[in-house]
Amino acid sequence: MDILIWVLFGGLVGVVASMVMGTGGGLVWDVVVGVVGAVIGGYVMNYFGKGGVGGFNFYSFLVALLGACILIVVLRMLRGG
């Protein structure tokens, strides 16, 4: 059940991050960006002494969105675009 919630949460975050950053992927891409973004956002917030993703709530959504946007920016830099 936890995996399903991560996939749903990741999909939601990935879709919003793609809209915010102006990228187009597919559903699978958005889920991957959202889930990896949640991990990245958790690390970033822990570095600054705050909590990471702790459930299905608004704070966790914002942390995951931050991480997803960071991921998209890094991928753009690596691609040269």
PDB file of N, CA and C in Angstrom:
ATOM      1  N   MET A   1       0.820  -1.196   0.000  1.00  0.00           N
ATOM      2  CA  MET A   1       0.000   0.000   0.000  1.00  0.00           C
ATOM      3  C   MET A   1       0.865   1.262   0.000  1.00  0.00           C
ATOM      4  N   ASP A   2       1.990   1.222   0.707  1.00  0.00           N
ATOM      5  CA  ASP A   2       2.874   2.386   0.749  1.00  0.00           C
ATOM      6  C   ASP A   2       3.428   2.722  -0.632  1.00  0.00           C
ATOM      7  N   ILE A   3       3.740   1.699  -1.412  1.00  0.00           N
ATOM      8  CA  ILE A   3       4.271   1.930  -2.762  1.00  0.00           C
ATOM      9  C   ILE A   3       3.218   2.629  -3.612  1.00  0.00           C
ATOM     10  N   LEU A   4       1.990   2.218  -3.505  1.00  0.00           N
ATOM     11  CA  LEU A   4       0.913   2.833  -4.281  1.00  0.00           C
ATOM     12  C   LEU A   4       0.750   4.303  -3.900  1.00  0.00           C
ATOM     13  N   ILE A   5       0.833   4.618  -2.634  1.00  0.00           N
ATOM     14  CA  ILE A   5       0.713   6.012  -2.195  1.00  0.00           C
ATOM     15  C   ILE A   5       1.887   6.831  -2.710  1.00  0.00           C
ATOM     16  N   TRP A   6       3.112   6.259  -2.683  1.00  0.00           N
ATOM     17  CA  TRP A   6       4.275   6.970  -3.231  1.00  0.00           C
ATOM     18  C   TRP A   6       4.093   7.234  -4.715  1.00  0.00           C
ATOM     19  N   VAL A   7       3.554   6.271  -5.450  1.00  0.00           N
ATOM     20  CA  VAL A   7       3.347   6.452  -6.891  1.00  0.00           C
ATOM     21  C   VAL A   7       2.291   7.521  -7.149  1.00  0.00           C
ATOM     22  N   LEU A   8       1.195   7.485  -6.414  1.00  0.00           N
ATOM     23  CA  LEU A   8       0.144   8.501  -6.585  1.00  0.00           C
ATOM     24  C   LEU A   8       0.656   9.890  -6.197  1.00  0.00           C
ATOM     25  N   PHE A   9       1.343   9.967  -5.069  1.00  0.00           N
ATOM     26  CA  PHE A   9       1.903  11.232  -4.603  1.00  0.00           C
ATOM     27  C   PHE A   9       2.951  11.737  -5.602  1.00  0.00           C
ATOM     28  N   GLY A  10       3.811  10.847  -6.058  1.00  0.00           N
ATOM     29  CA  GLY A  10       4.825  11.209  -7.038  1.00  0.00           C
ATOM     30  C   GLY A  10       4.215  11.681  -8.340  1.00  0.00           C
ATOM     31  N   GLY A  11       3.157  11.031  -8.769  1.00  0.00           N
ATOM     32  CA  GLY A  11       2.480  11.463  -9.993  1.00  0.00           C
ATOM     33  C   GLY A  11       1.888  12.850  -9.860  1.00  0.00           C
ATOM     34  N   LEU A  12       1.255  13.107  -8.744  1.00  0.00           N
ATOM     35  CA  LEU A  12       0.668  14.422  -8.503  1.00  0.00           C
ATOM     36  C   LEU A  12       1.741  15.506  -8.455  1.00  0.00           C
ATOM     37  N   VAL A  13       2.799  15.252  -7.711  1.00  0.00           N
ATOM     38  CA  VAL A  13       3.896  16.221  -7.611  1.00  0.00           C
ATOM     39  C   VAL A  13       4.580  16.395  -8.966  1.00  0.00           C
ATOM     40  N   GLY A  14       4.807  15.305  -9.674  1.00  0.00           N
ATOM     41  CA  GLY A  14       5.466  15.374 -10.971  1.00  0.00           C
ATOM     42  C   GLY A  14       4.679  16.170 -11.999  1.00  0.00           C
ATOM     43  N   VAL A  15       3.378  16.002 -12.010  1.00  0.00           N
ATOM     44  CA  VAL A  15       2.529  16.766 -12.937  1.00  0.00           C
ATOM     45  C   VAL A  15       2.611  18.255 -12.621  1.00  0.00           C
ATOM     46  N   VAL A  16       2.510  18.607 -11.349  1.00  0.00           N
ATOM     47  CA  VAL A  16       2.580  20.021 -10.958  1.00  0.00           C
ATOM     48  C   VAL A  16       3.969  20.591 -11.259  1.00  0.00           C
ATOM     49  N   ALA A  17       5.028  19.831 -10.967  1.00  0.00           N
ATOM     50  CA  ALA A  17       6.389  20.299 -11.241  1.00  0.00           C
ATOM     51  C   ALA A  17       6.593  20.502 -12.740  1.00  0.00           C
ATOM     52  N   SER A  18       6.074  19.612 -13.549  1.00  0.00           N
ATOM     53  CA  SER A  18       6.190  19.766 -15.001  1.00  0.00           C
ATOM     54  C   SER A  18       5.464  21.009 -15.481  1.00  0.00           C
ATOM     55  N   MET A  19       4.315  21.300 -14.891  1.00  0.00           N
ATOM     56  CA  MET A  19       3.579  22.510 -15.266  1.00  0.00           C
ATOM     57  C   MET A  19       4.334  23.756 -14.816  1.00  0.00           C
ATOM     58  N   VAL A  20       4.866  23.743 -13.606  1.00  0.00           N
ATOM     59  CA  VAL A  20       5.591  24.896 -13.078  1.00  0.00           C
ATOM     60  C   VAL A  20       6.856  25.160 -13.899  1.00  0.00           C
ATOM     61  N   MET A  21       7.573  24.097 -14.242  1.00  0.00           N
ATOM     62  CA  MET A  21       8.851  24.237 -14.937  1.00  0.00           C
ATOM     63  C   MET A  21       8.704  24.259 -16.450  1.00  0.00           C
ATOM     64  N   GLY A  22       7.507  24.054 -16.957  1.00  0.00           N
ATOM     65  CA  GLY A  22       7.270  24.114 -18.395  1.00  0.00           C
ATOM     66  C   GLY A  22       7.891  22.968 -19.167  1.00  0.00           C
ATOM     67  N   THR A  23       7.866  21.789 -18.586  1.00  0.00           N
ATOM     68  CA  THR A  23       8.394  20.617 -19.276  1.00  0.00           C
ATOM     69  C   THR A  23       7.251  19.694 -19.644  1.00  0.00           C
ATOM     70  N   GLY A  24       7.504  18.874 -20.592  1.00  0.00           N
ATOM     71  CA  GLY A  24       6.507  17.891 -20.990  1.00  0.00           C
ATOM     72  C   GLY A  24       7.125  16.517 -20.922  1.00  0.00           C
ATOM     73  N   GLY A  25       6.518  15.669 -20.226  1.00  0.00           N
ATOM     74  CA  GLY A  25       6.967  14.284 -20.145  1.00  0.00           C
ATOM     75  C   GLY A  25       5.749  13.424 -20.362  1.00  0.00           C
ATOM     76  N   GLY A  26       5.749  12.319 -19.820  1.00  0.00           N
ATOM     77  CA  GLY A  26       4.567  11.480 -19.827  1.00  0.00           C
ATOM     78  C   GLY A  26       4.198  11.163 -18.401  1.00  0.00           C
ATOM     79  N   LEU A  27       3.240  10.338 -18.238  1.00  0.00           N
ATOM     80  CA  LEU A  27       2.793   9.969 -16.895  1.00  0.00           C
ATOM     81  C   LEU A  27       3.920   9.273 -16.124  1.00  0.00           C
ATOM     82  N   VAL A  28       4.621   8.359 -16.789  1.00  0.00           N
ATOM     83  CA  VAL A  28       5.710   7.648 -16.114  1.00  0.00           C
ATOM     84  C   VAL A  28       6.815   8.630 -15.724  1.00  0.00           C
ATOM     85  N   TRP A  29       7.157   9.548 -16.637  1.00  0.00           N
ATOM     86  CA  TRP A  29       8.182  10.559 -16.353  1.00  0.00           C
ATOM     87  C   TRP A  29       7.772  11.402 -15.147  1.00  0.00           C
ATOM     88  N   ASP A  30       6.511  11.821 -15.109  1.00  0.00           N
ATOM     89  CA  ASP A  30       6.033  12.647 -14.004  1.00  0.00           C
ATOM     90  C   ASP A  30       6.090  11.901 -12.675  1.00  0.00           C
ATOM     91  N   VAL A  31       5.749  10.630 -12.680  1.00  0.00           N
ATOM     92  CA  VAL A  31       5.810   9.841 -11.448  1.00  0.00           C
ATOM     93  C   VAL A  31       7.256   9.730 -10.977  1.00  0.00           C
ATOM     94  N   VAL A  32       8.181   9.447 -11.901  1.00  0.00           N
ATOM     95  CA  VAL A  32       9.593   9.319 -11.534  1.00  0.00           C
ATOM     96  C   VAL A  32      10.115  10.645 -10.994  1.00  0.00           C
ATOM     97  N   VAL A  33       9.807  11.738 -11.684  1.00  0.00           N
ATOM     98  CA  VAL A  33      10.249  13.062 -11.229  1.00  0.00           C
ATOM     99  C   VAL A  33       9.677  13.363  -9.846  1.00  0.00           C
ATOM    100  N   GLY A  34       8.429  13.037  -9.622  1.00  0.00           N
ATOM    101  CA  GLY A  34       7.806  13.299  -8.325  1.00  0.00           C
ATOM    102  C   GLY A  34       8.404  12.485  -7.195  1.00  0.00           C
ATOM    103  N   VAL A  35       8.623  11.203  -7.425  1.00  0.00           N
ATOM    104  CA  VAL A  35       9.169  10.338  -6.374  1.00  0.00           C
ATOM    105  C   VAL A  35      10.628  10.708  -6.083  1.00  0.00           C
ATOM    106  N   VAL A  36      11.434  10.857  -7.132  1.00  0.00           N
ATOM    107  CA  VAL A  36      12.834  11.247  -6.932  1.00  0.00           C
ATOM    108  C   VAL A  36      12.900  12.654  -6.338  1.00  0.00           C
ATOM    109  N   GLY A  37      12.004  13.527  -6.775  1.00  0.00           N
ATOM    110  CA  GLY A  37      11.944  14.874  -6.217  1.00  0.00           C
ATOM    111  C   GLY A  37      11.611  14.872  -4.738  1.00  0.00           C
ATOM    112  N   ALA A  38      10.764  13.960  -4.305  1.00  0.00           N
ATOM    113  CA  ALA A  38      10.439  13.856  -2.876  1.00  0.00           C
ATOM    114  C   ALA A  38      11.675  13.463  -2.078  1.00  0.00           C
ATOM    115  N   VAL A  39      12.477  12.565  -2.625  1.00  0.00           N
ATOM    116  CA  VAL A  39      13.710  12.159  -1.944  1.00  0.00           C
ATOM    117  C   VAL A  39      14.688  13.328  -1.891  1.00  0.00           C
ATOM    118  N   ILE A  40      14.875  14.009  -3.018  1.00  0.00           N
ATOM    119  CA  ILE A  40      15.787  15.158  -3.074  1.00  0.00           C
ATOM    120  C   ILE A  40      15.302  16.258  -2.130  1.00  0.00           C
ATOM    121  N   GLY A  41      14.021  16.566  -2.179  1.00  0.00           N
ATOM    122  CA  GLY A  41      13.466  17.585  -1.296  1.00  0.00           C
ATOM    123  C   GLY A  41      13.647  17.231   0.170  1.00  0.00           C
ATOM    124  N   GLY A  42      13.505  15.952   0.496  1.00  0.00           N
ATOM    125  CA  GLY A  42      13.723  15.511   1.870  1.00  0.00           C
ATOM    126  C   GLY A  42      15.158  15.736   2.324  1.00  0.00           C
ATOM    127  N   TYR A  43      16.110  15.420   1.439  1.00  0.00           N
ATOM    128  CA  TYR A  43      17.511  15.661   1.772  1.00  0.00           C
ATOM    129  C   TYR A  43      17.797  17.149   1.941  1.00  0.00           C
ATOM    130  N   VAL A  44      17.269  17.960   1.050  1.00  0.00           N
ATOM    131  CA  VAL A  44      17.500  19.412   1.125  1.00  0.00           C
ATOM    132  C   VAL A  44      16.927  19.972   2.427  1.00  0.00           C
ATOM    133  N   MET A  45      15.709  19.598   2.760  1.00  0.00           N
ATOM    134  CA  MET A  45      15.087  20.121   3.970  1.00  0.00           C
ATOM    135  C   MET A  45      15.794  19.616   5.228  1.00  0.00           C
ATOM    136  N   ASN A  46      16.238  18.363   5.224  1.00  0.00           N
ATOM    137  CA  ASN A  46      17.001  17.848   6.367  1.00  0.00           C
ATOM    138  C   ASN A  46      18.314  18.591   6.517  1.00  0.00           C
ATOM    139  N   TYR A  47      18.934  18.970   5.418  1.00  0.00           N
ATOM    140  CA  TYR A  47      20.172  19.734   5.459  1.00  0.00           C
ATOM    141  C   TYR A  47      19.960  21.075   6.168  1.00  0.00           C
ATOM    142  N   PHE A  48      18.797  21.677   5.948  1.00  0.00           N
ATOM    143  CA  PHE A  48      18.483  22.956   6.577  1.00  0.00           C
ATOM    144  C   PHE A  48      17.799  22.795   7.933  1.00  0.00           C
ATOM    145  N   GLY A  49      17.741  21.582   8.448  1.00  0.00           N
ATOM    146  CA  GLY A  49      17.215  21.350   9.785  1.00  0.00           C
ATOM    147  C   GLY A  49      15.707  21.235   9.870  1.00  0.00           C
ATOM    148  N   LYS A  50      15.058  21.073   8.757  1.00  0.00           N
ATOM    149  CA  LYS A  50      13.597  20.914   8.734  1.00  0.00           C
ATOM    150  C   LYS A  50      13.258  19.471   8.399  1.00  0.00           C
ATOM    151  N   GLY A  51      12.014  19.128   8.566  1.00  0.00           N
ATOM    152  CA  GLY A  51      11.571  17.780   8.246  1.00  0.00           C
ATOM    153  C   GLY A  51      11.404  17.579   6.754  1.00  0.00           C
ATOM    154  N   GLY A  52      11.538  16.342   6.336  1.00  0.00           N
ATOM    155  CA  GLY A  52      11.361  15.993   4.931  1.00  0.00           C
ATOM    156  C   GLY A  52       9.920  15.607   4.656  1.00  0.00           C
ATOM    157  N   VAL A  53       9.743  14.715   3.734  1.00  0.00           N
ATOM    158  CA  VAL A  53       8.413  14.228   3.377  1.00  0.00           C
ATOM    159  C   VAL A  53       7.980  13.251   4.444  1.00  0.00           C
ATOM    160  N   GLY A  54       6.868  13.568   5.109  1.00  0.00           N
ATOM    161  CA  GLY A  54       6.430  12.743   6.218  1.00  0.00           C
ATOM    162  C   GLY A  54       5.032  12.204   6.075  1.00  0.00           C
ATOM    163  N   GLY A  55       4.487  12.237   4.913  1.00  0.00           N
ATOM    164  CA  GLY A  55       3.146  11.724   4.718  1.00  0.00           C
ATOM    165  C   GLY A  55       2.480  12.432   3.562  1.00  0.00           C
ATOM    166  N   PHE A  56       1.201  12.245   3.472  1.00  0.00           N
ATOM    167  CA  PHE A  56       0.420  12.827   2.384  1.00  0.00           C
ATOM    168  C   PHE A  56      -0.249  14.094   2.918  1.00  0.00           C
ATOM    169  N   ASN A  57       0.541  15.183   2.995  1.00  0.00           N
ATOM    170  CA  ASN A  57       0.011  16.447   3.476  1.00  0.00           C
ATOM    171  C   ASN A  57       0.602  17.592   2.657  1.00  0.00           C
ATOM    172  N   PHE A  58       0.164  18.808   2.921  1.00  0.00           N
ATOM    173  CA  PHE A  58       0.568  19.960   2.110  1.00  0.00           C
ATOM    174  C   PHE A  58       2.055  20.262   2.251  1.00  0.00           C
ATOM    175  N   TYR A  59       2.596  20.170   3.465  1.00  0.00           N
ATOM    176  CA  TYR A  59       4.019  20.417   3.670  1.00  0.00           C
ATOM    177  C   TYR A  59       4.862  19.424   2.863  1.00  0.00           C
ATOM    178  N   SER A  60       4.505  18.157   2.921  1.00  0.00           N
ATOM    179  CA  SER A  60       5.232  17.145   2.165  1.00  0.00           C
ATOM    180  C   SER A  60       5.120  17.395   0.667  1.00  0.00           C
ATOM    181  N   PHE A  61       3.962  17.850   0.233  1.00  0.00           N
ATOM    182  CA  PHE A  61       3.765  18.181  -1.180  1.00  0.00           C
ATOM    183  C   PHE A  61       4.727  19.289  -1.593  1.00  0.00           C
ATOM    184  N   LEU A  62       4.852  20.333  -0.762  1.00  0.00           N
ATOM    185  CA  LEU A  62       5.757  21.438  -1.093  1.00  0.00           C
ATOM    186  C   LEU A  62       7.217  20.997  -1.087  1.00  0.00           C
ATOM    187  N   VAL A  63       7.590  20.142  -0.148  1.00  0.00           N
ATOM    188  CA  VAL A  63       8.961  19.631  -0.087  1.00  0.00           C
ATOM    189  C   VAL A  63       9.254  18.807  -1.336  1.00  0.00           C
ATOM    190  N   ALA A  64       8.340  17.939  -1.711  1.00  0.00           N
ATOM    191  CA  ALA A  64       8.523  17.115  -2.906  1.00  0.00           C
ATOM    192  C   ALA A  64       8.540  17.973  -4.166  1.00  0.00           C
ATOM    193  N   LEU A  65       7.713  19.005  -4.212  1.00  0.00           N
ATOM    194  CA  LEU A  65       7.692  19.907  -5.361  1.00  0.00           C
ATOM    195  C   LEU A  65       9.028  20.646  -5.482  1.00  0.00           C
ATOM    196  N   LEU A  66       9.564  21.098  -4.369  1.00  0.00           N
ATOM    197  CA  LEU A  66      10.881  21.736  -4.372  1.00  0.00           C
ATOM    198  C   LEU A  66      11.934  20.787  -4.940  1.00  0.00           C
ATOM    199  N   GLY A  67      11.939  19.567  -4.461  1.00  0.00           N
ATOM    200  CA  GLY A  67      12.908  18.581  -4.936  1.00  0.00           C
ATOM    201  C   GLY A  67      12.726  18.250  -6.407  1.00  0.00           C
ATOM    202  N   ALA A  68      11.479  18.154  -6.861  1.00  0.00           N
ATOM    203  CA  ALA A  68      11.215  17.858  -8.272  1.00  0.00           C
ATOM    204  C   ALA A  68      11.689  18.999  -9.163  1.00  0.00           C
ATOM    205  N   CYS A  69      11.474  20.228  -8.724  1.00  0.00           N
ATOM    206  CA  CYS A  69      11.947  21.383  -9.507  1.00  0.00           C
ATOM    207  C   CYS A  69      13.470  21.422  -9.544  1.00  0.00           C
ATOM    208  N   ILE A  70      14.117  21.097  -8.436  1.00  0.00           N
ATOM    209  CA  ILE A  70      15.579  21.023  -8.416  1.00  0.00           C
ATOM    210  C   ILE A  70      16.051  19.948  -9.401  1.00  0.00           C
ATOM    211  N   LEU A  71      15.394  18.806  -9.397  1.00  0.00           N
ATOM    212  CA  LEU A  71      15.750  17.722 -10.307  1.00  0.00           C
ATOM    213  C   LEU A  71      15.618  18.161 -11.759  1.00  0.00           C
ATOM    214  N   ILE A  72      14.537  18.835 -12.101  1.00  0.00           N
ATOM    215  CA  ILE A  72      14.329  19.288 -13.479  1.00  0.00           C
ATOM    216  C   ILE A  72      15.404  20.293 -13.877  1.00  0.00           C
ATOM    217  N   VAL A  73      15.760  21.197 -12.983  1.00  0.00           N
ATOM    218  CA  VAL A  73      16.808  22.195 -13.290  1.00  0.00           C
ATOM    219  C   VAL A  73      18.150  21.499 -13.519  1.00  0.00           C
ATOM    220  N   VAL A  74      18.484  20.535 -12.667  1.00  0.00           N
ATOM    221  CA  VAL A  74      19.751  19.807 -12.827  1.00  0.00           C
ATOM    222  C   VAL A  74      19.761  19.033 -14.134  1.00  0.00           C
ATOM    223  N   LEU A  75      18.657  18.383 -14.470  1.00  0.00           N
ATOM    224  CA  LEU A  75      18.594  17.645 -15.736  1.00  0.00           C
ATOM    225  C   LEU A  75      18.721  18.570 -16.940  1.00  0.00           C
ATOM    226  N   ARG A  76      18.126  19.751 -16.854  1.00  0.00           N
ATOM    227  CA  ARG A  76      18.281  20.729 -17.935  1.00  0.00           C
ATOM    228  C   ARG A  76      19.730  21.158 -18.072  1.00  0.00           C
ATOM    229  N   MET A  77      20.395  21.368 -16.960  1.00  0.00           N
ATOM    230  CA  MET A  77      21.806  21.787 -16.999  1.00  0.00           C
ATOM    231  C   MET A  77      22.676  20.681 -17.601  1.00  0.00           C
ATOM    232  N   LEU A  78      22.397  19.451 -17.261  1.00  0.00           N
ATOM    233  CA  LEU A  78      23.179  18.331 -17.788  1.00  0.00           C
ATOM    234  C   LEU A  78      22.949  18.139 -19.292  1.00  0.00           C
ATOM    235  N   ARG A  79      21.733  18.413 -19.744  1.00  0.00           N
ATOM    236  CA  ARG A  79      21.410  18.273 -21.169  1.00  0.00           C
ATOM    237  C   ARG A  79      21.891  19.468 -21.980  1.00  0.00           C
ATOM    238  N   GLY A  80      22.180  20.550 -21.290  1.00  0.00           N
ATOM    239  CA  GLY A  80      22.619  21.744 -21.990  1.00  0.00           C
ATOM    240  C   GLY A  80      21.486  22.606 -22.505  1.00  0.00           C
ATOM    241  N   GLY A  81      20.307  22.425 -21.934  1.00  0.00           N
ATOM    242  CA  GLY A  81      19.161  23.191 -22.413  1.00  0.00           C
ATOM    243  C   GLY A  81      18.668  24.052 -21.385  1.00  0.00           C
TER     244      GLY A  81
END
